[in-house]
Amino acid sequence: MEDTIKTTENDTQENTEAIALAEAIEMQEKINHSLKQLSLERLQVVADFVAYLADKESEEATEELLKIPGLLEKIKKNRETTSKAHLVNWRAIRSDV
């Protein structure tokens, strides 16, 4: 029964992610269609705004990480105690990221 619950939770999460991905793709297509209609000056405004939003999102993610107590100290300690031979590429571990 536990396996059934876990499977249902996984299916629900995968379904939610698939819906979000489909919505993102649809939004990107709408944006691309609109971009084709803009002048060079307006495209520059859009490019600047998108860069601002990306920077803002990055800052928010950094702030969220910095709120984790002791995170920087743990990272520094792990860097000091771990040799490069033991490091693993995060993409090899989290292919879904």
Protein backbone atom coordinates (compact mmCIF):
# COMPACT_ATOMS: atom_id res chain seq x y z
CA MET A 1 0.00 0.00 0.00
CA GLU A 2 2.89 2.36 0.77
CA ASP A 3 4.24 1.72 -2.71
CA THR A 4 0.87 2.65 -4.19
CA ILE A 5 0.83 5.94 -2.25
CA LYS A 6 4.40 6.74 -3.31
CA THR A 7 3.58 5.91 -6.93
CA THR A 8 0.48 8.11 -6.83
CA GLU A 9 2.48 10.98 -5.31
CA ASN A 10 5.18 10.56 -7.97
CA ASP A 11 2.57 10.44 -10.75
CA THR A 12 0.89 13.57 -9.39
CA GLN A 13 4.22 15.41 -9.19
CA GLU A 14 5.21 14.31 -12.70
CA ASN A 15 1.81 15.36 -14.03
CA THR A 16 2.09 18.76 -12.35
CA GLU A 17 5.59 19.23 -13.80
CA ALA A 18 4.39 18.20 -17.26
CA ILE A 19 1.54 20.70 -17.09
CA ALA A 20 3.90 23.47 -15.95
CA LEU A 21 6.30 22.62 -18.78
CA ALA A 22 3.49 22.70 -21.35
CA GLU A 23 2.32 26.05 -20.00
CA ALA A 24 5.87 27.42 -20.14
CA ILE A 25 6.29 26.27 -23.73
CA GLU A 26 2.97 27.84 -24.70
CA MET A 27 3.97 31.11 -23.01
CA GLN A 28 7.34 31.12 -24.79
CA GLU A 29 5.62 30.62 -28.13
CA LYS A 30 3.30 33.57 -27.43
CA ILE A 31 6.28 35.72 -26.44
CA ASN A 32 8.24 34.72 -29.55
CA HIS A 33 5.25 35.57 -31.75
CA SER A 34 4.94 39.00 -30.12
CA LEU A 35 8.68 39.65 -30.33
CA LYS A 36 8.61 39.24 -34.10
CA GLN A 37 6.28 42.23 -34.30
CA LEU A 38 8.47 44.64 -32.31
CA SER A 39 10.83 47.32 -33.57
CA LEU A 40 14.53 47.13 -32.74
CA GLU A 41 14.11 49.78 -30.06
CA ARG A 42 11.30 47.86 -28.37
CA LEU A 43 13.30 44.63 -28.61
CA GLN A 44 16.11 46.34 -26.71
CA VAL A 45 13.65 47.34 -23.98
CA VAL A 46 12.43 43.75 -23.77
CA ALA A 47 16.01 42.43 -23.66
CA ASP A 48 16.89 44.81 -20.84
CA PHE A 49 13.76 43.86 -18.90
CA VAL A 50 14.38 40.14 -19.32
CA ALA A 51 17.97 40.60 -18.12
CA TYR A 52 16.65 42.50 -15.10
CA LEU A 53 14.16 39.73 -14.27
CA ALA A 54 16.81 37.02 -14.62
CA ASP A 55 19.16 38.97 -12.35
CA LYS A 56 16.40 39.51 -9.82
CA GLU A 57 15.52 35.81 -9.79
CA SER A 58 19.17 34.90 -9.32
CA GLU A 59 19.46 37.33 -6.41
CA GLU A 60 16.35 35.88 -4.77
CA ALA A 61 17.71 32.35 -5.10
CA THR A 62 21.02 33.46 -3.58
CA GLU A 63 19.21 35.16 -0.69
CA GLU A 64 17.22 31.98 -0.07
CA LEU A 65 20.41 29.93 0.09
CA LEU A 66 22.07 32.45 2.40
CA LYS A 67 19.19 32.07 4.87
CA ILE A 68 20.13 28.42 5.47
CA PRO A 69 22.00 28.44 8.80
CA GLY A 70 25.64 27.37 8.50
CA LEU A 71 25.48 26.66 4.76
CA LEU A 72 28.54 28.74 3.81
CA GLU A 73 30.58 27.25 6.63
CA LYS A 74 29.63 23.72 5.55
CA ILE A 75 30.57 24.48 1.95
CA LYS A 76 33.93 25.92 2.99
CA LYS A 77 34.63 22.97 5.25
CA ASN A 78 33.72 20.48 2.54
CA ARG A 79 35.95 22.27 0.02
CA GLU A 80 38.86 22.05 2.43
CA THR A 81 38.33 18.37 3.25
CA THR A 82 37.35 17.04 -0.19
CA SER A 83 39.91 16.38 -2.86
CA LYS A 84 38.99 17.12 -6.46
CA ALA A 85 39.31 13.40 -7.23
CA HIS A 86 36.24 12.74 -5.08
CA LEU A 87 34.03 15.45 -6.59
CA VAL A 88 31.08 14.41 -8.74
CA ASN A 89 29.42 16.52 -11.40
CA TRP A 90 25.97 17.49 -10.12
CA ARG A 91 24.48 16.75 -13.54
CA ALA A 92 25.48 13.12 -13.10
CA ILE A 93 23.48 13.01 -9.87
CA ARG A 94 20.53 15.26 -10.79
CA SER A 95 19.79 14.77 -14.46
CA ASP A 96 16.34 16.32 -13.92
CA VAL A 97 17.83 19.74 -13.05
